[in-house]
Amino acid sequence: MGLDRMDEKKPKRLRIFVRRGALRRFDRLKRDSGELPVAVTWDRRQEERRAEPAATSGERRKTDRRKAPPFTWDAADFVVADTPPPEDE
């Protein structure tokens, strides 16, 4: 029996998000990752998206589900995330 192509694991592509304004960090990561399967992009967020909670008849969520960012966000102005490979590969 031959190998079934659907069973083969595809490598994940890493994405590095760099904090807005960290120009040297962005340039360095872009240059050093040129030969790697990594996409270096700017963090697109401009401000906190959540506003103060509106008055509701009862809070459905008991706690905030967002985690604290990884230490690299505060220490080095970037965060690494893995993404699934594109479907056409």
PDB file of N, CA and C in Angstrom:
ATOM      1  N   MET A   1       0.831  -1.175   0.000  1.00  0.00           N
ATOM      2  CA  MET A   1       0.000   0.000   0.000  1.00  0.00           C
ATOM      3  C   MET A   1       0.873   1.234   0.000  1.00  0.00           C
ATOM      4  N   GLY A   2       0.424   2.262  -0.687  1.00  0.00           N
ATOM      5  CA  GLY A   2       1.173   3.513  -0.761  1.00  0.00           C
ATOM      6  C   GLY A   2       0.844   4.416   0.421  1.00  0.00           C
ATOM      7  N   LEU A   3       1.648   5.431   0.565  1.00  0.00           N
ATOM      8  CA  LEU A   3       1.407   6.400   1.630  1.00  0.00           C
ATOM      9  C   LEU A   3       0.199   7.250   1.299  1.00  0.00           C
ATOM     10  N   ASP A   4      -0.620   7.470   2.247  1.00  0.00           N
ATOM     11  CA  ASP A   4      -1.765   8.346   2.074  1.00  0.00           C
ATOM     12  C   ASP A   4      -1.308   9.775   2.365  1.00  0.00           C
ATOM     13  N   ARG A   5      -1.401  10.669   1.390  1.00  0.00           N
ATOM     14  CA  ARG A   5      -0.915  12.045   1.522  1.00  0.00           C
ATOM     15  C   ARG A   5      -1.655  12.803   2.624  1.00  0.00           C
ATOM     16  N   MET A   6      -2.869  12.429   2.929  1.00  0.00           N
ATOM     17  CA  MET A   6      -3.636  13.131   3.946  1.00  0.00           C
ATOM     18  C   MET A   6      -3.098  12.862   5.348  1.00  0.00           C
ATOM     19  N   ASP A   7      -2.384  11.729   5.524  1.00  0.00           N
ATOM     20  CA  ASP A   7      -1.872  11.387   6.840  1.00  0.00           C
ATOM     21  C   ASP A   7      -0.548  12.080   7.153  1.00  0.00           C
ATOM     22  N   GLU A   8       0.112  12.621   6.152  1.00  0.00           N
ATOM     23  CA  GLU A   8       1.397  13.272   6.388  1.00  0.00           C
ATOM     24  C   GLU A   8       1.178  14.557   7.165  1.00  0.00           C
ATOM     25  N   LYS A   9       2.063  14.798   8.136  1.00  0.00           N
ATOM     26  CA  LYS A   9       1.962  16.020   8.910  1.00  0.00           C
ATOM     27  C   LYS A   9       2.622  17.147   8.147  1.00  0.00           C
ATOM     28  N   LYS A  10       1.930  18.268   8.058  1.00  0.00           N
ATOM     29  CA  LYS A  10       2.487  19.446   7.407  1.00  0.00           C
ATOM     30  C   LYS A  10       3.124  20.319   8.483  1.00  0.00           C
ATOM     31  N   PRO A  11       4.266  20.911   8.201  1.00  0.00           N
ATOM     32  CA  PRO A  11       4.895  21.767   9.206  1.00  0.00           C
ATOM     33  C   PRO A  11       4.079  23.038   9.414  1.00  0.00           C
ATOM     34  N   LYS A  12       4.080  23.505  10.630  1.00  0.00           N
ATOM     35  CA  LYS A  12       3.395  24.757  10.919  1.00  0.00           C
ATOM     36  C   LYS A  12       4.323  25.916  10.565  1.00  0.00           C
ATOM     37  N   ARG A  13       3.730  27.007  10.147  1.00  0.00           N
ATOM     38  CA  ARG A  13       4.491  28.207   9.841  1.00  0.00           C
ATOM     39  C   ARG A  13       4.394  29.130  11.058  1.00  0.00           C
ATOM     40  N   LEU A  14       5.516  29.626  11.500  1.00  0.00           N
ATOM     41  CA  LEU A  14       5.527  30.530  12.647  1.00  0.00           C
ATOM     42  C   LEU A  14       5.286  31.955  12.195  1.00  0.00           C
ATOM     43  N   ARG A  15       4.610  32.712  13.044  1.00  0.00           N
ATOM     44  CA  ARG A  15       4.413  34.135  12.804  1.00  0.00           C
ATOM     45  C   ARG A  15       4.958  34.873  14.007  1.00  0.00           C
ATOM     46  N   ILE A  16       5.699  35.925  13.747  1.00  0.00           N
ATOM     47  CA  ILE A  16       6.232  36.768  14.813  1.00  0.00           C
ATOM     48  C   ILE A  16       5.550  38.120  14.694  1.00  0.00           C
ATOM     49  N   PHE A  17       4.875  38.522  15.758  1.00  0.00           N
ATOM     50  CA  PHE A  17       4.221  39.824  15.804  1.00  0.00           C
ATOM     51  C   PHE A  17       5.096  40.756  16.623  1.00  0.00           C
ATOM     52  N   VAL A  18       5.449  41.896  16.037  1.00  0.00           N
ATOM     53  CA  VAL A  18       6.345  42.862  16.682  1.00  0.00           C
ATOM     54  C   VAL A  18       5.526  44.058  17.143  1.00  0.00           C
ATOM     55  N   ARG A  19       5.826  44.539  18.335  1.00  0.00           N
ATOM     56  CA  ARG A  19       5.117  45.682  18.924  1.00  0.00           C
ATOM     57  C   ARG A  19       5.294  46.910  18.031  1.00  0.00           C
ATOM     58  N   ARG A  20       4.221  47.672  17.853  1.00  0.00           N
ATOM     59  CA  ARG A  20       4.286  48.908  17.067  1.00  0.00           C
ATOM     60  C   ARG A  20       5.400  49.809  17.571  1.00  0.00           C
ATOM     61  N   GLY A  21       6.162  50.352  16.642  1.00  0.00           N
ATOM     62  CA  GLY A  21       7.212  51.299  16.989  1.00  0.00           C
ATOM     63  C   GLY A  21       8.567  50.675  17.276  1.00  0.00           C
ATOM     64  N   ALA A  22       8.657  49.366  17.417  1.00  0.00           N
ATOM     65  CA  ALA A  22       9.935  48.696  17.698  1.00  0.00           C
ATOM     66  C   ALA A  22      10.656  48.437  16.369  1.00  0.00           C
ATOM     67  N   LEU A  23      11.106  49.518  15.739  1.00  0.00           N
ATOM     68  CA  LEU A  23      11.680  49.448  14.391  1.00  0.00           C
ATOM     69  C   LEU A  23      12.925  48.578  14.306  1.00  0.00           C
ATOM     70  N   ARG A  24      13.846  48.766  15.240  1.00  0.00           N
ATOM     71  CA  ARG A  24      15.083  47.960  15.191  1.00  0.00           C
ATOM     72  C   ARG A  24      14.813  46.486  15.410  1.00  0.00           C
ATOM     73  N   ARG A  25      13.889  46.171  16.316  1.00  0.00           N
ATOM     74  CA  ARG A  25      13.539  44.771  16.571  1.00  0.00           C
ATOM     75  C   ARG A  25      12.915  44.161  15.305  1.00  0.00           C
ATOM     76  N   PHE A  26      12.007  44.889  14.664  1.00  0.00           N
ATOM     77  CA  PHE A  26      11.362  44.398  13.457  1.00  0.00           C
ATOM     78  C   PHE A  26      12.396  44.147  12.357  1.00  0.00           C
ATOM     79  N   ASP A  27      13.273  45.124  12.122  1.00  0.00           N
ATOM     80  CA  ASP A  27      14.298  44.971  11.079  1.00  0.00           C
ATOM     81  C   ASP A  27      15.210  43.789  11.356  1.00  0.00           C
ATOM     82  N   ARG A  28      15.614  43.643  12.610  1.00  0.00           N
ATOM     83  CA  ARG A  28      16.513  42.542  12.973  1.00  0.00           C
ATOM     84  C   ARG A  28      15.841  41.181  12.773  1.00  0.00           C
ATOM     85  N   LEU A  29      14.616  41.048  13.232  1.00  0.00           N
ATOM     86  CA  LEU A  29      13.895  39.784  13.070  1.00  0.00           C
ATOM     87  C   LEU A  29      13.647  39.479  11.599  1.00  0.00           C
ATOM     88  N   LYS A  30      13.285  40.489  10.828  1.00  0.00           N
ATOM     89  CA  LYS A  30      13.033  40.307   9.400  1.00  0.00           C
ATOM     90  C   LYS A  30      14.312  39.839   8.701  1.00  0.00           C
ATOM     91  N   ARG A  31      15.427  40.457   9.020  1.00  0.00           N
ATOM     92  CA  ARG A  31      16.712  40.111   8.397  1.00  0.00           C
ATOM     93  C   ARG A  31      17.170  38.710   8.818  1.00  0.00           C
ATOM     94  N   ASP A  32      17.092  38.414  10.092  1.00  0.00           N
ATOM     95  CA  ASP A  32      17.611  37.141  10.598  1.00  0.00           C
ATOM     96  C   ASP A  32      16.715  35.945  10.276  1.00  0.00           C
ATOM     97  N   SER A  33      15.475  36.188   9.915  1.00  0.00           N
ATOM     98  CA  SER A  33      14.573  35.076   9.619  1.00  0.00           C
ATOM     99  C   SER A  33      14.316  34.915   8.120  1.00  0.00           C
ATOM    100  N   GLY A  34      15.112  35.564   7.300  1.00  0.00           N
ATOM    101  CA  GLY A  34      14.896  35.545   5.858  1.00  0.00           C
ATOM    102  C   GLY A  34      14.853  34.167   5.233  1.00  0.00           C
ATOM    103  N   GLU A  35      15.635  33.230   5.731  1.00  0.00           N
ATOM    104  CA  GLU A  35      15.709  31.876   5.168  1.00  0.00           C
ATOM    105  C   GLU A  35      14.837  30.865   5.914  1.00  0.00           C
ATOM    106  N   LEU A  36      14.076  31.329   6.886  1.00  0.00           N
ATOM    107  CA  LEU A  36      13.279  30.434   7.725  1.00  0.00           C
ATOM    108  C   LEU A  36      11.793  30.521   7.368  1.00  0.00           C
ATOM    109  N   PRO A  37      11.019  29.493   7.697  1.00  0.00           N
ATOM    110  CA  PRO A  37       9.573  29.535   7.436  1.00  0.00           C
ATOM    111  C   PRO A  37       8.841  30.363   8.493  1.00  0.00           C
ATOM    112  N   VAL A  38       9.176  31.654   8.539  1.00  0.00           N
ATOM    113  CA  VAL A  38       8.638  32.562   9.545  1.00  0.00           C
ATOM    114  C   VAL A  38       8.136  33.825   8.849  1.00  0.00           C
ATOM    115  N   ALA A  39       6.992  34.316   9.275  1.00  0.00           N
ATOM    116  CA  ALA A  39       6.467  35.584   8.781  1.00  0.00           C
ATOM    117  C   ALA A  39       6.565  36.603   9.912  1.00  0.00           C
ATOM    118  N   VAL A  40       7.266  37.699   9.672  1.00  0.00           N
ATOM    119  CA  VAL A  40       7.410  38.761  10.668  1.00  0.00           C
ATOM    120  C   VAL A  40       6.458  39.887  10.277  1.00  0.00           C
ATOM    121  N   THR A  41       5.541  40.235  11.183  1.00  0.00           N
ATOM    122  CA  THR A  41       4.561  41.278  10.900  1.00  0.00           C
ATOM    123  C   THR A  41       4.413  42.201  12.100  1.00  0.00           C
ATOM    124  N   TRP A  42       3.909  43.392  11.832  1.00  0.00           N
ATOM    125  CA  TRP A  42       3.638  44.345  12.897  1.00  0.00           C
ATOM    126  C   TRP A  42       2.372  43.949  13.636  1.00  0.00           C
ATOM    127  N   ASP A  43       2.327  44.237  14.922  1.00  0.00           N
ATOM    128  CA  ASP A  43       1.099  44.093  15.690  1.00  0.00           C
ATOM    129  C   ASP A  43       0.165  45.212  15.223  1.00  0.00           C
ATOM    130  N   ARG A  44      -1.015  44.865  14.771  1.00  0.00           N
ATOM    131  CA  ARG A  44      -1.915  45.856  14.195  1.00  0.00           C
ATOM    132  C   ARG A  44      -2.749  46.597  15.231  1.00  0.00           C
ATOM    133  N   ARG A  45      -2.769  46.102  16.431  1.00  0.00           N
ATOM    134  CA  ARG A  45      -3.596  46.753  17.452  1.00  0.00           C
ATOM    135  C   ARG A  45      -3.071  48.139  17.760  1.00  0.00           C
ATOM    136  N   GLN A  46      -3.989  49.088  17.943  1.00  0.00           N
ATOM    137  CA  GLN A  46      -3.589  50.451  18.260  1.00  0.00           C
ATOM    138  C   GLN A  46      -3.912  50.816  19.701  1.00  0.00           C
ATOM    139  N   GLU A  47      -4.903  50.190  20.252  1.00  0.00           N
ATOM    140  CA  GLU A  47      -5.289  50.467  21.629  1.00  0.00           C
ATOM    141  C   GLU A  47      -6.109  49.299  22.148  1.00  0.00           C
ATOM    142  N   GLU A  48      -6.400  49.336  23.416  1.00  0.00           N
ATOM    143  CA  GLU A  48      -7.230  48.303  24.021  1.00  0.00           C
ATOM    144  C   GLU A  48      -8.598  48.330  23.365  1.00  0.00           C
ATOM    145  N   ARG A  49      -9.071  47.195  22.884  1.00  0.00           N
ATOM    146  CA  ARG A  49     -10.340  47.145  22.161  1.00  0.00           C
ATOM    147  C   ARG A  49     -11.542  47.062  23.085  1.00  0.00           C
ATOM    148  N   ARG A  50     -11.344  46.556  24.251  1.00  0.00           N
ATOM    149  CA  ARG A  50     -12.477  46.413  25.154  1.00  0.00           C
ATOM    150  C   ARG A  50     -12.733  47.719  25.894  1.00  0.00           C
ATOM    151  N   ALA A  51     -13.972  48.093  25.941  1.00  0.00           N
ATOM    152  CA  ALA A  51     -14.381  49.261  26.710  1.00  0.00           C
ATOM    153  C   ALA A  51     -14.839  48.784  28.083  1.00  0.00           C
ATOM    154  N   GLU A  52     -15.169  49.726  28.918  1.00  0.00           N
ATOM    155  CA  GLU A  52     -15.712  49.357  30.219  1.00  0.00           C
ATOM    156  C   GLU A  52     -17.004  48.588  29.994  1.00  0.00           C
ATOM    157  N   PRO A  53     -17.257  47.563  30.790  1.00  0.00           N
ATOM    158  CA  PRO A  53     -18.475  46.777  30.586  1.00  0.00           C
ATOM    159  C   PRO A  53     -19.725  47.629  30.787  1.00  0.00           C
ATOM    160  N   ALA A  54     -20.668  47.454  29.903  1.00  0.00           N
ATOM    161  CA  ALA A  54     -21.944  48.158  30.033  1.00  0.00           C
ATOM    162  C   ALA A  54     -22.760  47.492  31.141  1.00  0.00           C
ATOM    163  N   ALA A  55     -23.672  48.252  31.676  1.00  0.00           N
ATOM    164  CA  ALA A  55     -24.538  47.686  32.711  1.00  0.00           C
ATOM    165  C   ALA A  55     -25.404  46.604  32.081  1.00  0.00           C
ATOM    166  N   THR A  56     -25.331  45.424  32.643  1.00  0.00           N
ATOM    167  CA  THR A  56     -26.136  44.314  32.137  1.00  0.00           C
ATOM    168  C   THR A  56     -26.930  43.719  33.274  1.00  0.00           C
ATOM    169  N   SER A  57     -27.826  42.870  32.923  1.00  0.00           N
ATOM    170  CA  SER A  57     -28.662  42.244  33.945  1.00  0.00           C
ATOM    171  C   SER A  57     -27.961  41.068  34.619  1.00  0.00           C
ATOM    172  N   GLY A  58     -26.727  40.870  34.315  1.00  0.00           N
ATOM    173  CA  GLY A  58     -25.964  39.792  34.932  1.00  0.00           C
ATOM    174  C   GLY A  58     -24.780  39.427  34.066  1.00  0.00           C
ATOM    175  N   GLU A  59     -23.633  39.390  34.649  1.00  0.00           N
ATOM    176  CA  GLU A  59     -22.417  39.053  33.894  1.00  0.00           C
ATOM    177  C   GLU A  59     -22.408  37.554  33.649  1.00  0.00           C
ATOM    178  N   ARG A  60     -22.335  37.168  32.398  1.00  0.00           N
ATOM    179  CA  ARG A  60     -22.332  35.748  32.047  1.00  0.00           C
ATOM    180  C   ARG A  60     -20.953  35.125  32.258  1.00  0.00           C
ATOM    181  N   ARG A  61     -19.923  35.881  32.011  1.00  0.00           N
ATOM    182  CA  ARG A  61     -18.564  35.353  32.128  1.00  0.00           C
ATOM    183  C   ARG A  61     -18.021  35.695  33.513  1.00  0.00           C
ATOM    184  N   LYS A  62     -17.498  34.703  34.189  1.00  0.00           N
ATOM    185  CA  LYS A  62     -17.023  34.917  35.552  1.00  0.00           C
ATOM    186  C   LYS A  62     -15.642  35.563  35.602  1.00  0.00           C
ATOM    187  N   THR A  63     -14.788  35.225  34.644  1.00  0.00           N
ATOM    188  CA  THR A  63     -13.436  35.779  34.623  1.00  0.00           C
ATOM    189  C   THR A  63     -13.061  36.164  33.201  1.00  0.00           C
ATOM    190  N   ASP A  64     -12.055  36.993  33.078  1.00  0.00           N
ATOM    191  CA  ASP A  64     -11.537  37.373  31.765  1.00  0.00           C
ATOM    192  C   ASP A  64     -10.792  36.172  31.194  1.00  0.00           C
ATOM    193  N   ARG A  65     -11.089  35.820  29.964  1.00  0.00           N
ATOM    194  CA  ARG A  65     -10.486  34.627  29.370  1.00  0.00           C
ATOM    195  C   ARG A  65      -9.124  34.888  28.763  1.00  0.00           C
ATOM    196  N   ARG A  66      -8.759  36.149  28.580  1.00  0.00           N
ATOM    197  CA  ARG A  66      -7.472  36.444  27.968  1.00  0.00           C
ATOM    198  C   ARG A  66      -6.332  36.139  28.929  1.00  0.00           C
ATOM    199  N   LYS A  67      -5.272  35.582  28.378  1.00  0.00           N
ATOM    200  CA  LYS A  67      -4.087  35.283  29.183  1.00  0.00           C
ATOM    201  C   LYS A  67      -3.152  36.482  29.156  1.00  0.00           C
ATOM    202  N   ALA A  68      -2.232  36.499  30.085  1.00  0.00           N
ATOM    203  CA  ALA A  68      -1.181  37.514  30.050  1.00  0.00           C
ATOM    204  C   ALA A  68      -0.278  37.214  28.852  1.00  0.00           C
ATOM    205  N   PRO A  69       0.258  38.238  28.202  1.00  0.00           N
ATOM    206  CA  PRO A  69       1.133  37.977  27.055  1.00  0.00           C
ATOM    207  C   PRO A  69       2.416  37.282  27.496  1.00  0.00           C
ATOM    208  N   PRO A  70       3.065  36.561  26.585  1.00  0.00           N
ATOM    209  CA  PRO A  70       4.325  35.906  26.921  1.00  0.00           C
ATOM    210  C   PRO A  70       5.383  36.930  27.341  1.00  0.00           C
ATOM    211  N   PHE A  71       6.384  36.491  28.072  1.00  0.00           N
ATOM    212  CA  PHE A  71       7.410  37.395  28.581  1.00  0.00           C
ATOM    213  C   PHE A  71       8.135  38.135  27.464  1.00  0.00           C
ATOM    214  N   THR A  72       8.200  37.559  26.261  1.00  0.00           N
ATOM    215  CA  THR A  72       8.914  38.227  25.169  1.00  0.00           C
ATOM    216  C   THR A  72       8.224  39.514  24.739  1.00  0.00           C
ATOM    217  N   TRP A  73       6.927  39.645  25.007  1.00  0.00           N
ATOM    218  CA  TRP A  73       6.219  40.860  24.615  1.00  0.00           C
ATOM    219  C   TRP A  73       6.751  42.052  25.407  1.00  0.00           C
ATOM    220  N   ASP A  74       6.925  41.887  26.696  1.00  0.00           N
ATOM    221  CA  ASP A  74       7.438  42.979  27.522  1.00  0.00           C
ATOM    222  C   ASP A  74       8.953  43.096  27.449  1.00  0.00           C
ATOM    223  N   ALA A  75       9.642  41.975  27.380  1.00  0.00           N
ATOM    224  CA  ALA A  75      11.107  41.995  27.416  1.00  0.00           C
ATOM    225  C   ALA A  75      11.737  42.327  26.070  1.00  0.00           C
ATOM    226  N   ALA A  76      11.120  41.895  24.962  1.00  0.00           N
ATOM    227  CA  ALA A  76      11.776  42.035  23.660  1.00  0.00           C
ATOM    228  C   ALA A  76      10.857  42.571  22.560  1.00  0.00           C
ATOM    229  N   ASP A  77       9.660  43.024  22.905  1.00  0.00           N
ATOM    230  CA  ASP A  77       8.742  43.659  21.947  1.00  0.00           C
ATOM    231  C   ASP A  77       8.231  42.750  20.842  1.00  0.00           C
ATOM    232  N   PHE A  78       8.164  41.442  21.061  1.00  0.00           N
ATOM    233  CA  PHE A  78       7.575  40.554  20.063  1.00  0.00           C
ATOM    234  C   PHE A  78       6.980  39.326  20.726  1.00  0.00           C
ATOM    235  N   VAL A  79       6.129  38.635  19.961  1.00  0.00           N
ATOM    236  CA  VAL A  79       5.545  37.387  20.412  1.00  0.00           C
ATOM    237  C   VAL A  79       5.514  36.437  19.216  1.00  0.00           C
ATOM    238  N   VAL A  80       5.706  35.148  19.481  1.00  0.00           N
ATOM    239  CA  VAL A  80       5.723  34.126  18.426  1.00  0.00           C
ATOM    240  C   VAL A  80       4.437  33.315  18.509  1.00  0.00           C
ATOM    241  N   ALA A  81       3.812  33.111  17.347  1.00  0.00           N
ATOM    242  CA  ALA A  81       2.594  32.312  17.276  1.00  0.00           C
ATOM    243  C   ALA A  81       2.731  31.320  16.127  1.00  0.00           C
ATOM    244  N   ASP A  82       2.251  30.101  16.341  1.00  0.00           N
ATOM    245  CA  ASP A  82       2.278  29.145  15.227  1.00  0.00           C
ATOM    246  C   ASP A  82       0.915  29.146  14.551  1.00  0.00           C
ATOM    247  N   THR A  83       0.936  28.991  13.260  1.00  0.00           N
ATOM    248  CA  THR A  83      -0.285  28.985  12.470  1.00  0.00           C
ATOM    249  C   THR A  83      -0.331  27.705  11.646  1.00  0.00           C
ATOM    250  N   PRO A  84      -1.516  27.219  11.366  1.00  0.00           N
ATOM    251  CA  PRO A  84      -1.596  26.020  10.528  1.00  0.00           C
ATOM    252  C   PRO A  84      -1.135  26.346   9.110  1.00  0.00           C
ATOM    253  N   PRO A  85      -0.638  25.348   8.388  1.00  0.00           N
ATOM    254  CA  PRO A  85      -0.193  25.576   7.024  1.00  0.00           C
ATOM    255  C   PRO A  85      -1.383  25.908   6.120  1.00  0.00           C
ATOM    256  N   PRO A  86      -1.125  26.620   5.026  1.00  0.00           N
ATOM    257  CA  PRO A  86      -2.208  26.909   4.092  1.00  0.00           C
ATOM    258  C   PRO A  86      -2.802  25.623   3.532  1.00  0.00           C
ATOM    259  N   GLU A  87      -4.068  25.664   3.213  1.00  0.00           N
ATOM    260  CA  GLU A  87      -4.777  24.486   2.722  1.00  0.00           C
ATOM    261  C   GLU A  87      -4.271  24.001   1.370  1.00  0.00           C
ATOM    262  N   ASP A  88      -3.701  24.894   0.553  1.00  0.00           N
ATOM    263  CA  ASP A  88      -3.294  24.514  -0.796  1.00  0.00           C
ATOM    264  C   ASP A  88      -1.930  23.848  -0.864  1.00  0.00           C
ATOM    265  N   GLU A  89      -1.262  23.690   0.274  1.00  0.00           N
ATOM    266  CA  GLU A  89       0.062  23.029   0.267  1.00  0.00           C
ATOM    267  C   GLU A  89      -0.078  21.545   0.448  1.00  0.00           C
TER     268      GLU A  89
END
